[in-house]
PDB file of N, CA and C in Angstrom:
ATOM      1  N   VAL A   1     -52.493  -8.956-102.734  1.00  0.00           N
ATOM      2  CA  VAL A   1     -52.213  -7.677-102.878  1.00  0.00           C
ATOM      3  C   VAL A   1     -51.459  -8.535-101.164  1.00  0.00           C
ATOM      4  N   VAL A   2     -50.446  -7.674-101.141  1.00  0.00           N
ATOM      5  CA  VAL A   2     -49.673  -8.108 -99.982  1.00  0.00           C
ATOM      6  C   VAL A   2     -50.066  -7.366 -98.613  1.00  0.00           C
ATOM      7  N   PRO A   3     -50.618  -8.633 -97.217  1.00  0.00           N
ATOM      8  CA  PRO A   3     -50.871  -7.969 -96.544  1.00  0.00           C
ATOM      9  C   PRO A   3     -50.105  -6.466 -95.522  1.00  0.00           C
ATOM     10  N   VAL A   4     -50.845  -6.433 -94.549  1.00  0.00           N
ATOM     11  CA  VAL A   4     -49.829  -5.528 -93.319  1.00  0.00           C
ATOM     12  C   VAL A   4     -50.773  -5.579 -91.913  1.00  0.00           C
ATOM     13  N   TRP A   5     -50.294  -4.954 -91.684  1.00  0.00           N
ATOM     14  CA  TRP A   5     -50.865  -5.037 -89.868  1.00  0.00           C
ATOM     15  C   TRP A   5     -51.403  -3.753 -89.795  1.00  0.00           C
ATOM     16  N   ASP A   6     -52.804  -3.516 -89.753  1.00  0.00           N
ATOM     17  CA  ASP A   6     -53.230  -2.874 -89.575  1.00  0.00           C
ATOM     18  C   ASP A   6     -54.873  -3.114 -88.862  1.00  0.00           C
ATOM     19  N   ASP A   7     -55.600  -1.585 -88.147  1.00  0.00           N
ATOM     20  CA  ASP A   7     -56.578  -2.089 -87.468  1.00  0.00           C
ATOM     21  C   ASP A   7     -57.574  -3.129 -87.903  1.00  0.00           C
ATOM     22  N   GLY A   8     -57.775  -2.529 -89.202  1.00  0.00           N
ATOM     23  CA  GLY A   8     -58.464  -3.787 -89.702  1.00  0.00           C
ATOM     24  C   GLY A   8     -58.178  -5.635 -89.463  1.00  0.00           C
ATOM     25  N   SER A   9     -56.966  -5.700 -90.049  1.00  0.00           N
ATOM     26  CA  SER A   9     -56.746  -7.089 -89.846  1.00  0.00           C
ATOM     27  C   SER A   9     -56.086  -7.643 -88.308  1.00  0.00           C
ATOM     28  N   ARG A  10     -55.996  -6.079 -87.704  1.00  0.00           N
ATOM     29  CA  ARG A  10     -55.895  -6.446 -86.714  1.00  0.00           C
ATOM     30  C   ARG A  10     -56.784  -7.270 -85.594  1.00  0.00           C
ATOM     31  N   GLU A  11     -58.222  -6.319 -85.661  1.00  0.00           N
ATOM     32  CA  GLU A  11     -59.857  -7.333 -85.596  1.00  0.00           C
ATOM     33  C   GLU A  11     -60.512  -8.321 -86.255  1.00  0.00           C
ATOM     34  N   GLN A  12     -59.657  -8.364 -87.195  1.00  0.00           N
ATOM     35  CA  GLN A  12     -60.195  -9.756 -88.334  1.00  0.00           C
ATOM     36  C   GLN A  12     -59.886 -10.941 -87.360  1.00  0.00           C
ATOM     37  N   ALA A  13     -58.482 -10.709 -87.284  1.00  0.00           N
ATOM     38  CA  ALA A  13     -57.474 -11.761 -86.477  1.00  0.00           C
ATOM     39  C   ALA A  13     -58.235 -12.156 -84.976  1.00  0.00           C
ATOM     40  N   LEU A  14     -58.039 -10.949 -84.350  1.00  0.00           N
ATOM     41  CA  LEU A  14     -58.788 -11.160 -83.028  1.00  0.00           C
ATOM     42  C   LEU A  14     -60.576 -11.899 -83.166  1.00  0.00           C
ATOM     43  N   GLN A  15     -61.596 -11.249 -83.930  1.00  0.00           N
ATOM     44  CA  GLN A  15     -62.564 -12.417 -84.770  1.00  0.00           C
ATOM     45  C   GLN A  15     -62.605 -13.527 -84.844  1.00  0.00           C
ATOM     46  N   VAL A  16     -61.708 -13.571 -85.562  1.00  0.00           N
ATOM     47  CA  VAL A  16     -61.688 -14.807 -85.894  1.00  0.00           C
ATOM     48  C   VAL A  16     -60.975 -16.138 -84.967  1.00  0.00           C
ATOM     49  N   ALA A  17     -60.387 -15.703 -84.287  1.00  0.00           N
ATOM     50  CA  ALA A  17     -59.486 -16.697 -83.458  1.00  0.00           C
ATOM     51  C   ALA A  17     -60.989 -16.674 -82.469  1.00  0.00           C
ATOM     52  N   ALA A  18     -61.420 -15.920 -82.053  1.00  0.00           N
ATOM     53  CA  ALA A  18     -62.747 -15.907 -80.559  1.00  0.00           C
ATOM     54  C   ALA A  18     -63.805 -16.873 -81.430  1.00  0.00           C
ATOM     55  N   ALA A  19     -64.348 -16.986 -82.791  1.00  0.00           N
ATOM     56  CA  ALA A  19     -64.950 -17.412 -83.598  1.00  0.00           C
ATOM     57  C   ALA A  19     -64.484 -18.867 -83.598  1.00  0.00           C
ATOM     58  N   ALA A  20     -63.263 -18.970 -83.838  1.00  0.00           N
ATOM     59  CA  ALA A  20     -63.155 -20.887 -83.903  1.00  0.00           C
ATOM     60  C   ALA A  20     -62.844 -21.356 -82.264  1.00  0.00           C
ATOM     61  N   VAL A  21     -62.797 -20.624 -81.411  1.00  0.00           N
ATOM     62  CA  VAL A  21     -62.236 -21.487 -80.413  1.00  0.00           C
ATOM     63  C   VAL A  21     -63.622 -21.632 -79.955  1.00  0.00           C
ATOM     64  N   ALA A  22     -65.024 -20.241 -80.509  1.00  0.00           N
ATOM     65  CA  ALA A  22     -66.176 -20.278 -79.511  1.00  0.00           C
ATOM     66  C   ALA A  22     -66.357 -21.755 -80.386  1.00  0.00           C
ATOM     67  N   ALA A  23     -66.265 -22.887 -81.903  1.00  0.00           N
ATOM     68  CA  ALA A  23     -67.275 -23.148 -82.940  1.00  0.00           C
ATOM     69  C   ALA A  23     -66.393 -24.861 -81.865  1.00  0.00           C
ATOM     70  N   PHE A  24     -65.337 -24.325 -81.581  1.00  0.00           N
ATOM     71  CA  PHE A  24     -64.792 -26.199 -80.816  1.00  0.00           C
ATOM     72  C   PHE A  24     -65.165 -26.081 -79.787  1.00  0.00           C
ATOM     73  N   ALA A  25     -65.622 -24.833 -78.843  1.00  0.00           N
ATOM     74  CA  ALA A  25     -65.771 -25.538 -77.570  1.00  0.00           C
ATOM     75  C   ALA A  25     -67.272 -25.646 -77.881  1.00  0.00           C
ATOM     76  N   HIS A  26     -68.394 -26.101 -79.404  1.00  0.00           N
ATOM     77  CA  HIS A  26     -69.322 -26.223 -79.119  1.00  0.00           C
ATOM     78  C   HIS A  26     -69.188 -27.590 -79.140  1.00  0.00           C
ATOM     79  N   HIS A  27     -69.672 -28.771 -78.105  1.00  0.00           N
ATOM     80  CA  HIS A  27     -68.876 -29.997 -78.407  1.00  0.00           C
ATOM     81  C   HIS A  27     -70.468 -30.822 -77.628  1.00  0.00           C
ATOM     82  N   GLN A  28     -71.599 -29.526 -77.533  1.00  0.00           N
ATOM     83  CA  GLN A  28     -72.513 -30.586 -77.453  1.00  0.00           C
ATOM     84  C   GLN A  28     -73.345 -30.371 -78.603  1.00  0.00           C
ATOM     85  N   LEU A  29     -72.960 -30.276 -79.808  1.00  0.00           N
ATOM     86  CA  LEU A  29     -73.589 -30.790 -80.926  1.00  0.00           C
ATOM     87  C   LEU A  29     -73.032 -32.213 -81.409  1.00  0.00           C
ATOM     88  N   ASP A  30     -74.053 -32.658 -82.365  1.00  0.00           N
ATOM     89  CA  ASP A  30     -73.503 -34.019 -82.543  1.00  0.00           C
ATOM     90  C   ASP A  30     -72.074 -34.051 -83.896  1.00  0.00           C
ATOM     91  N   GLN A  31     -70.919 -34.551 -84.003  1.00  0.00           N
ATOM     92  CA  GLN A  31     -70.254 -34.799 -84.671  1.00  0.00           C
ATOM     93  C   GLN A  31     -70.049 -34.166 -86.113  1.00  0.00           C
ATOM     94  N   ALA A  32     -71.309 -34.468 -86.889  1.00  0.00           N
ATOM     95  CA  ALA A  32     -71.747 -33.416 -88.213  1.00  0.00           C
ATOM     96  C   ALA A  32     -71.933 -32.218 -88.102  1.00  0.00           C
ATOM     97  N   ALA A  33     -72.864 -31.696 -87.273  1.00  0.00           N
ATOM     98  CA  ALA A  33     -72.897 -30.359 -86.774  1.00  0.00           C
ATOM     99  C   ALA A  33     -72.076 -29.434 -86.638  1.00  0.00           C
ATOM    100  N   TRP A  34     -71.594 -30.444 -85.356  1.00  0.00           N
ATOM    101  CA  TRP A  34     -69.521 -29.844 -84.761  1.00  0.00           C
ATOM    102  C   TRP A  34     -68.705 -29.644 -86.147  1.00  0.00           C
ATOM    103  N   TRP A  35     -68.529 -30.715 -87.109  1.00  0.00           N
ATOM    104  CA  TRP A  35     -67.443 -30.211 -87.728  1.00  0.00           C
ATOM    105  C   TRP A  35     -67.977 -28.803 -88.752  1.00  0.00           C
ATOM    106  N   ALA A  36     -69.294 -29.033 -89.337  1.00  0.00           N
ATOM    107  CA  ALA A  36     -69.561 -28.209 -89.974  1.00  0.00           C
ATOM    108  C   ALA A  36     -69.632 -26.319 -89.591  1.00  0.00           C
ATOM    109  N   GLU A  37     -69.826 -26.584 -88.436  1.00  0.00           N
ATOM    110  CA  GLU A  37     -69.179 -25.184 -88.176  1.00  0.00           C
ATOM    111  C   GLU A  37     -67.790 -24.836 -87.739  1.00  0.00           C
ATOM    112  N   PHE A  38     -67.011 -25.295 -87.260  1.00  0.00           N
ATOM    113  CA  PHE A  38     -65.817 -25.350 -86.577  1.00  0.00           C
ATOM    114  C   PHE A  38     -64.992 -25.310 -88.156  1.00  0.00           C
ATOM    115  N   SER A  39     -65.138 -26.587 -89.239  1.00  0.00           N
ATOM    116  CA  SER A  39     -64.373 -26.101 -90.394  1.00  0.00           C
ATOM    117  C   SER A  39     -64.503 -25.142 -91.382  1.00  0.00           C
ATOM    118  N   ARG A  40     -64.776 -24.037 -91.188  1.00  0.00           N
ATOM    119  CA  ARG A  40     -65.071 -23.404 -91.788  1.00  0.00           C
ATOM    120  C   ARG A  40     -64.199 -21.773 -91.261  1.00  0.00           C
ATOM    121  N   TYR A  41     -63.340 -22.093 -90.735  1.00  0.00           N
ATOM    122  CA  TYR A  41     -62.157 -21.634 -89.978  1.00  0.00           C
ATOM    123  C   TYR A  41     -60.849 -22.602 -89.948  1.00  0.00           C
ATOM    124  N   LEU A  42     -60.590 -23.133 -90.364  1.00  0.00           N
ATOM    125  CA  LEU A  42     -59.904 -24.123 -90.776  1.00  0.00           C
ATOM    126  C   LEU A  42     -59.010 -23.785 -92.064  1.00  0.00           C
ATOM    127  N   SER A  43     -57.758 -24.007 -92.119  1.00  0.00           N
ATOM    128  CA  SER A  43     -57.034 -23.680 -93.573  1.00  0.00           C
ATOM    129  C   SER A  43     -56.891 -25.449 -93.898  1.00  0.00           C
ATOM    130  N   PRO A  44     -56.697 -25.373 -95.387  1.00  0.00           N
ATOM    131  CA  PRO A  44     -56.994 -26.880 -95.724  1.00  0.00           C
ATOM    132  C   PRO A  44     -56.083 -28.097 -95.023  1.00  0.00           C
ATOM    133  N   ARG A  45     -54.958 -27.256 -94.312  1.00  0.00           N
ATOM    134  CA  ARG A  45     -54.031 -28.892 -93.414  1.00  0.00           C
ATOM    135  C   ARG A  45     -54.383 -28.516 -92.094  1.00  0.00           C
ATOM    136  N   ALA A  46     -54.999 -27.776 -91.881  1.00  0.00           N
ATOM    137  CA  ALA A  46     -55.598 -27.665 -90.670  1.00  0.00           C
ATOM    138  C   ALA A  46     -57.191 -28.570 -90.261  1.00  0.00           C
ATOM    139  N   ALA A  47     -57.634 -28.837 -91.121  1.00  0.00           N
ATOM    140  CA  ALA A  47     -59.354 -29.230 -91.463  1.00  0.00           C
ATOM    141  C   ALA A  47     -58.375 -30.568 -91.662  1.00  0.00           C
ATOM    142  N   GLN A  48     -57.588 -30.858 -92.150  1.00  0.00           N
ATOM    143  CA  GLN A  48     -57.132 -32.748 -92.375  1.00  0.00           C
ATOM    144  C   GLN A  48     -56.660 -32.923 -91.328  1.00  0.00           C
ATOM    145  N   ALA A  49     -55.542 -31.750 -90.404  1.00  0.00           N
ATOM    146  CA  ALA A  49     -55.564 -32.475 -88.765  1.00  0.00           C
ATOM    147  C   ALA A  49     -56.553 -32.355 -87.624  1.00  0.00           C
ATOM    148  N   TYR A  50     -57.010 -31.919 -88.534  1.00  0.00           N
ATOM    149  CA  TYR A  50     -58.391 -31.710 -87.382  1.00  0.00           C
ATOM    150  C   TYR A  50     -59.980 -32.383 -87.417  1.00  0.00           C
ATOM    151  N   SER A  51     -59.514 -33.466 -88.832  1.00  0.00           N
ATOM    152  CA  SER A  51     -60.721 -33.837 -89.120  1.00  0.00           C
ATOM    153  C   SER A  51     -60.811 -35.278 -87.926  1.00  0.00           C
ATOM    154  N   SER A  52     -59.655 -35.314 -87.617  1.00  0.00           N
ATOM    155  CA  SER A  52     -60.648 -37.011 -86.850  1.00  0.00           C
ATOM    156  C   SER A  52     -60.460 -36.439 -85.192  1.00  0.00           C
ATOM    157  N   VAL A  53     -60.672 -35.340 -84.800  1.00  0.00           N
ATOM    158  CA  VAL A  53     -61.104 -34.667 -83.577  1.00  0.00           C
ATOM    159  C   VAL A  53     -62.222 -35.663 -83.095  1.00  0.00           C
ATOM    160  N   GLN A  54     -62.578 -36.367 -82.626  1.00  0.00           N
ATOM    161  CA  GLN A  54     -64.083 -36.519 -81.414  1.00  0.00           C
ATOM    162  C   GLN A  54     -64.622 -35.648 -80.500  1.00  0.00           C
ATOM    163  N   VAL A  55     -66.097 -35.237 -81.119  1.00  0.00           N
ATOM    164  CA  VAL A  55     -66.148 -33.989 -80.910  1.00  0.00           C
ATOM    165  C   VAL A  55     -66.589 -34.506 -78.903  1.00  0.00           C
ATOM    166  N   ALA A  56     -66.390 -35.505 -78.699  1.00  0.00           N
ATOM    167  CA  ALA A  56     -66.988 -36.151 -77.449  1.00  0.00           C
ATOM    168  C   ALA A  56     -65.620 -35.720 -76.037  1.00  0.00           C
ATOM    169  N   ASN A  57     -64.223 -35.595 -77.056  1.00  0.00           N
ATOM    170  CA  ASN A  57     -63.348 -35.741 -75.879  1.00  0.00           C
ATOM    171  C   ASN A  57     -62.246 -34.266 -76.065  1.00  0.00           C
ATOM    172  N   ILE A  58     -63.685 -33.190 -76.609  1.00  0.00           N
ATOM    173  CA  ILE A  58     -63.374 -31.501 -76.242  1.00  0.00           C
ATOM    174  C   ILE A  58     -63.770 -31.654 -74.930  1.00  0.00           C
ATOM    175  N   PRO A  59     -62.097 -30.811 -74.301  1.00  0.00           N
ATOM    176  CA  PRO A  59     -62.303 -30.227 -72.622  1.00  0.00           C
ATOM    177  C   PRO A  59     -63.056 -29.089 -72.533  1.00  0.00           C
ATOM    178  N   VAL A  60     -63.168 -28.046 -73.656  1.00  0.00           N
ATOM    179  CA  VAL A  60     -63.615 -26.887 -73.663  1.00  0.00           C
ATOM    180  C   VAL A  60     -64.736 -26.239 -73.939  1.00  0.00           C
ATOM    181  N   SER A  61     -65.901 -25.723 -73.102  1.00  0.00           N
ATOM    182  CA  SER A  61     -66.956 -26.107 -72.944  1.00  0.00           C
ATOM    183  C   SER A  61     -67.542 -23.871 -73.661  1.00  0.00           C
ATOM    184  N   ALA A  62     -66.846 -23.119 -73.292  1.00  0.00           N
ATOM    185  CA  ALA A  62     -67.315 -21.735 -73.534  1.00  0.00           C
ATOM    186  C   ALA A  62     -65.907 -21.180 -73.994  1.00  0.00           C
ATOM    187  N   VAL A  63     -65.732 -19.776 -74.006  1.00  0.00           N
ATOM    188  CA  VAL A  63     -64.320 -18.627 -74.716  1.00  0.00           C
ATOM    189  C   VAL A  63     -64.694 -18.058 -73.763  1.00  0.00           C
ATOM    190  N   THR A  64     -63.905 -17.273 -72.346  1.00  0.00           N
ATOM    191  CA  THR A  64     -64.475 -17.001 -70.825  1.00  0.00           C
ATOM    192  C   THR A  64     -64.077 -15.251 -71.806  1.00  0.00           C
ATOM    193  N   GLY A  65     -63.161 -14.629 -72.342  1.00  0.00           N
ATOM    194  CA  GLY A  65     -63.063 -13.753 -71.901  1.00  0.00           C
ATOM    195  C   GLY A  65     -62.831 -13.056 -74.261  1.00  0.00           C
ATOM    196  N   ALA A  66     -62.088 -11.746 -73.725  1.00  0.00           N
ATOM    197  CA  ALA A  66     -60.981 -11.135 -74.979  1.00  0.00           C
ATOM    198  C   ALA A  66     -60.010 -11.615 -75.522  1.00  0.00           C
ATOM    199  N   PRO A  67     -59.823 -11.968 -76.725  1.00  0.00           N
ATOM    200  CA  PRO A  67     -58.319 -12.514 -77.328  1.00  0.00           C
ATOM    201  C   PRO A  67     -57.715 -11.876 -77.009  1.00  0.00           C
ATOM    202  N   ALA A  68     -55.946 -12.212 -77.450  1.00  0.00           N
ATOM    203  CA  ALA A  68     -55.296 -11.059 -77.534  1.00  0.00           C
ATOM    204  C   ALA A  68     -54.504 -11.681 -78.383  1.00  0.00           C
ATOM    205  N   LEU A  69     -53.871 -11.193 -78.876  1.00  0.00           N
ATOM    206  CA  LEU A  69     -52.603 -10.827 -79.783  1.00  0.00           C
ATOM    207  C   LEU A  69     -51.550 -10.986 -79.552  1.00  0.00           C
ATOM    208  N   VAL A  70     -50.955 -11.911 -79.541  1.00  0.00           N
ATOM    209  CA  VAL A  70     -49.645 -11.822 -78.915  1.00  0.00           C
ATOM    210  C   VAL A  70     -48.329 -12.157 -79.996  1.00  0.00           C
ATOM    211  N   ASP A  71     -48.270 -11.886 -81.421  1.00  0.00           N
ATOM    212  CA  ASP A  71     -47.787 -12.474 -82.150  1.00  0.00           C
ATOM    213  C   ASP A  71     -47.713 -12.054 -83.635  1.00  0.00           C
ATOM    214  N   GLU A  72     -47.290 -10.870 -83.258  1.00  0.00           N
ATOM    215  CA  GLU A  72     -47.768  -9.664 -85.008  1.00  0.00           C
ATOM    216  C   GLU A  72     -45.813 -10.080 -86.164  1.00  0.00           C
ATOM    217  N   SER A  73     -45.277 -10.518 -85.559  1.00  0.00           N
ATOM    218  CA  SER A  73     -43.961 -10.622 -86.529  1.00  0.00           C
ATOM    219  C   SER A  73     -43.681 -10.787 -88.228  1.00  0.00           C
ATOM    220  N   SER A  74     -45.046 -11.586 -88.361  1.00  0.00           N
ATOM    221  CA  SER A  74     -45.385 -11.554 -90.229  1.00  0.00           C
ATOM    222  C   SER A  74     -46.915 -10.999 -90.547  1.00  0.00           C
ATOM    223  N   PRO A  75     -46.977 -10.441 -91.345  1.00  0.00           N
ATOM    224  CA  PRO A  75     -48.203 -10.411 -91.565  1.00  0.00           C
ATOM    225  C   PRO A  75     -49.147 -11.053 -92.687  1.00  0.00           C
ATOM    226  N   TYR A  76     -48.630 -12.356 -92.668  1.00  0.00           N
ATOM    227  CA  TYR A  76     -49.343 -13.717 -92.788  1.00  0.00           C
ATOM    228  C   TYR A  76     -49.783 -14.126 -91.114  1.00  0.00           C
ATOM    229  N   LEU A  77     -48.903 -13.967 -90.641  1.00  0.00           N
ATOM    230  CA  LEU A  77     -49.006 -15.177 -89.932  1.00  0.00           C
ATOM    231  C   LEU A  77     -49.423 -14.415 -88.457  1.00  0.00           C
ATOM    232  N   ALA A  78     -51.101 -14.944 -87.478  1.00  0.00           N
ATOM    233  CA  ALA A  78     -50.592 -14.405 -86.758  1.00  0.00           C
ATOM    234  C   ALA A  78     -51.074 -15.295 -85.158  1.00  0.00           C
ATOM    235  N   VAL A  79     -50.501 -14.887 -84.110  1.00  0.00           N
ATOM    236  CA  VAL A  79     -51.221 -16.046 -83.365  1.00  0.00           C
ATOM    237  C   VAL A  79     -51.550 -15.473 -81.740  1.00  0.00           C
ATOM    238  N   LEU A  80     -52.145 -15.985 -81.528  1.00  0.00           N
ATOM    239  CA  LEU A  80     -53.329 -15.277 -80.587  1.00  0.00           C
ATOM    240  C   LEU A  80     -53.781 -16.530 -79.500  1.00  0.00           C
ATOM    241  N   GLU A  81     -54.145 -15.484 -78.027  1.00  0.00           N
ATOM    242  CA  GLU A  81     -54.563 -16.252 -76.835  1.00  0.00           C
ATOM    243  C   GLU A  81     -56.103 -15.891 -76.763  1.00  0.00           C
ATOM    244  N   VAL A  82     -57.086 -17.050 -76.101  1.00  0.00           N
ATOM    245  CA  VAL A  82     -58.459 -16.645 -76.175  1.00  0.00           C
ATOM    246  C   VAL A  82     -58.373 -17.640 -74.369  1.00  0.00           C
ATOM    247  N   PRO A  83     -58.731 -17.067 -73.798  1.00  0.00           N
ATOM    248  CA  PRO A  83     -59.584 -17.441 -72.132  1.00  0.00           C
ATOM    249  C   PRO A  83     -60.693 -18.217 -72.626  1.00  0.00           C
ATOM    250  N   THR A  84     -60.498 -19.599 -71.989  1.00  0.00           N
ATOM    251  CA  THR A  84     -61.565 -20.507 -71.889  1.00  0.00           C
ATOM    252  C   THR A  84     -62.235 -20.990 -70.816  1.00  0.00           C
ATOM    253  N   ASP A  85     -62.706 -21.307 -70.712  1.00  0.00           N
ATOM    254  CA  ASP A  85     -62.825 -22.068 -69.406  1.00  0.00           C
ATOM    255  C   ASP A  85     -61.933 -23.355 -68.456  1.00  0.00           C
ATOM    256  N   VAL A  86     -61.381 -24.054 -69.407  1.00  0.00           N
ATOM    257  CA  VAL A  86     -60.277 -24.300 -69.071  1.00  0.00           C
ATOM    258  C   VAL A  86     -59.368 -24.160 -69.409  1.00  0.00           C
ATOM    259  N   GLY A  87     -58.457 -23.437 -69.152  1.00  0.00           N
ATOM    260  CA  GLY A  87     -57.632 -22.293 -69.763  1.00  0.00           C
ATOM    261  C   GLY A  87     -57.232 -21.670 -70.984  1.00  0.00           C
ATOM    262  N   THR A  88     -56.549 -21.326 -71.226  1.00  0.00           N
ATOM    263  CA  THR A  88     -56.212 -20.056 -72.547  1.00  0.00           C
ATOM    264  C   THR A  88     -56.191 -20.926 -73.557  1.00  0.00           C
ATOM    265  N   TYR A  89     -56.555 -21.164 -74.274  1.00  0.00           N
ATOM    266  CA  TYR A  89     -56.311 -21.739 -75.623  1.00  0.00           C
ATOM    267  C   TYR A  89     -55.523 -21.013 -76.837  1.00  0.00           C
ATOM    268  N   GLN A  90     -53.877 -20.705 -77.375  1.00  0.00           N
ATOM    269  CA  GLN A  90     -53.292 -20.402 -78.147  1.00  0.00           C
ATOM    270  C   GLN A  90     -54.088 -21.025 -79.633  1.00  0.00           C
ATOM    271  N   VAL A  91     -54.568 -19.539 -80.727  1.00  0.00           N
ATOM    272  CA  VAL A  91     -54.355 -20.116 -81.906  1.00  0.00           C
ATOM    273  C   VAL A  91     -53.334 -19.348 -82.527  1.00  0.00           C
ATOM    274  N   GLN A  92     -53.266 -20.152 -83.754  1.00  0.00           N
ATOM    275  CA  GLN A  92     -52.182 -19.926 -85.136  1.00  0.00           C
ATOM    276  C   GLN A  92     -53.395 -19.886 -85.812  1.00  0.00           C
ATOM    277  N   LEU A  93     -53.105 -18.749 -86.781  1.00  0.00           N
ATOM    278  CA  LEU A  93     -53.858 -17.838 -88.378  1.00  0.00           C
ATOM    279  C   LEU A  93     -53.066 -18.034 -88.799  1.00  0.00           C
ATOM    280  N   SER A  94     -53.637 -18.211 -90.318  1.00  0.00           N
ATOM    281  CA  SER A  94     -52.642 -17.285 -91.012  1.00  0.00           C
ATOM    282  C   SER A  94     -53.807 -17.160 -92.336  1.00  0.00           C
ATOM    283  N   ARG A  95     -52.651 -16.089 -93.760  1.00  0.00           N
ATOM    284  CA  ARG A  95     -53.905 -16.031 -94.664  1.00  0.00           C
ATOM    285  C   ARG A  95     -52.689 -15.691 -95.885  1.00  0.00           C
ATOM    286  N   LEU A  96     -52.960 -15.772 -96.895  1.00  0.00           N
ATOM    287  CA  LEU A  96     -52.646 -16.001 -98.317  1.00  0.00           C
ATOM    288  C   LEU A  96     -51.795 -14.473 -98.483  1.00  0.00           C
ATOM    289  N   ALA A  97     -52.744 -13.248 -98.388  1.00  0.00           N
ATOM    290  CA  ALA A  97     -52.328 -12.088 -98.884  1.00  0.00           C
ATOM    291  C   ALA A  97     -53.715 -11.653 -98.366  1.00  0.00           C
ATOM    292  N   ALA A  98     -53.669  -9.810 -98.104  1.00  0.00           N
ATOM    293  CA  ALA A  98     -54.347  -8.842 -97.173  1.00  0.00           C
ATOM    294  C   ALA A  98     -56.281  -8.840 -97.799  1.00  0.00           C
ATOM    295  N   ASP A  99     -56.270  -9.884 -98.228  1.00  0.00           N
ATOM    296  CA  ASP A  99     -57.555  -9.737 -98.796  1.00  0.00           C
ATOM    297  C   ASP A  99     -57.977 -11.218 -99.196  1.00  0.00           C
ATOM    298  N   THR A 100     -57.845 -11.829 -97.911  1.00  0.00           N
ATOM    299  CA  THR A 100     -58.435 -13.163 -97.864  1.00  0.00           C
ATOM    300  C   THR A 100     -58.375 -13.222 -96.183  1.00  0.00           C
ATOM    301  N   PRO A 101     -59.142 -14.218 -95.706  1.00  0.00           N
ATOM    302  CA  PRO A 101     -59.425 -14.009 -94.681  1.00  0.00           C
ATOM    303  C   PRO A 101     -58.874 -15.054 -93.870  1.00  0.00           C
ATOM    304  N   TRP A 102     -58.608 -14.781 -92.752  1.00  0.00           N
ATOM    305  CA  TRP A 102     -57.536 -15.310 -91.682  1.00  0.00           C
ATOM    306  C   TRP A 102     -58.205 -16.886 -91.488  1.00  0.00           C
ATOM    307  N   LEU A 103     -57.473 -18.028 -92.146  1.00  0.00           N
ATOM    308  CA  LEU A 103     -57.742 -19.032 -91.044  1.00  0.00           C
ATOM    309  C   LEU A 103     -57.098 -19.927 -90.195  1.00  0.00           C
ATOM    310  N   VAL A 104     -57.679 -20.798 -89.277  1.00  0.00           N
ATOM    311  CA  VAL A 104     -56.899 -21.619 -88.309  1.00  0.00           C
ATOM    312  C   VAL A 104     -55.940 -22.411 -88.642  1.00  0.00           C
ATOM    313  N   GLU A 105     -54.485 -22.565 -88.492  1.00  0.00           N
ATOM    314  CA  GLU A 105     -53.802 -23.722 -88.609  1.00  0.00           C
ATOM    315  C   GLU A 105     -53.396 -23.942 -87.595  1.00  0.00           C
ATOM    316  N   ARG A 106     -53.823 -23.607 -86.719  1.00  0.00           N
ATOM    317  CA  ARG A 106     -53.435 -25.023 -85.136  1.00  0.00           C
ATOM    318  C   ARG A 106     -54.193 -24.121 -84.121  1.00  0.00           C
ATOM    319  N   LEU A 107     -54.985 -25.071 -82.814  1.00  0.00           N
ATOM    320  CA  LEU A 107     -55.739 -24.488 -82.075  1.00  0.00           C
ATOM    321  C   LEU A 107     -55.310 -24.927 -80.802  1.00  0.00           C
ATOM    322  N   ALA A 108     -54.566 -25.311 -79.473  1.00  0.00           N
ATOM    323  CA  ALA A 108     -54.518 -25.607 -78.816  1.00  0.00           C
ATOM    324  C   ALA A 108     -54.574 -24.857 -77.497  1.00  0.00           C
ATOM    325  N   PRO A 109     -54.827 -26.254 -76.566  1.00  0.00           N
ATOM    326  CA  PRO A 109     -54.167 -25.550 -74.802  1.00  0.00           C
ATOM    327  C   PRO A 109     -52.643 -24.757 -74.981  1.00  0.00           C
ATOM    328  N   ALA A 110     -52.515 -23.085 -74.755  1.00  0.00           N
ATOM    329  CA  ALA A 110     -51.562 -22.471 -74.662  1.00  0.00           C
ATOM    330  C   ALA A 110     -50.250 -23.808 -73.450  1.00  0.00           C
ATOM    331  N   GLY A 111     -48.990 -23.123 -73.987  1.00  0.00           N
ATOM    332  CA  GLY A 111     -47.811 -24.221 -72.676  1.00  0.00           C
ATOM    333  C   GLY A 111     -47.804 -25.860 -74.390  1.00  0.00           C
ATOM    334  N   GLY A 112     -47.918 -25.608 -75.337  1.00  0.00           N
ATOM    335  CA  GLY A 112     -47.300 -26.571 -75.947  1.00  0.00           C
ATOM    336  C   GLY A 112     -49.087 -28.205 -75.826  1.00  0.00           C
ATOM    337  N   GLN A 113     -49.290 -27.931 -75.192  1.00  0.00           N
ATOM    338  CA  GLN A 113     -50.151 -29.278 -74.952  1.00  0.00           C
ATOM    339  C   GLN A 113     -51.254 -29.882 -76.947  1.00  0.00           C
ATOM    340  N   PRO A 114     -51.173 -31.089 -77.031  1.00  0.00           N
ATOM    341  CA  PRO A 114     -51.890 -30.802 -77.984  1.00  0.00           C
ATOM    342  C   PRO A 114     -53.428 -31.128 -78.231  1.00  0.00           C
TER     343      PRO A 114
END
């Protein structure tokens, strides 16, 4: 099913972005519990890229506001910004079809920091 931007897909993208950053920020968990929580939001490619992240090195602790959709130029990709206690994080999401979930491709501080 070819995806389109509609209210439902926007709401799903906003929810996934906020939940993914909140899971990423949940660094008081041990490594295995943190990974189990965070990795469910990741695409296979992102899971491979983020698998080496050490929970003790994560600076963000909390989502502090509502996410904002900043790029919806493709119905397969979304770019969102999520405010946190250490600044805004940019979240890039993708989906394969209208009936598949949004998944995180990249999550990083806004402004190009890795």
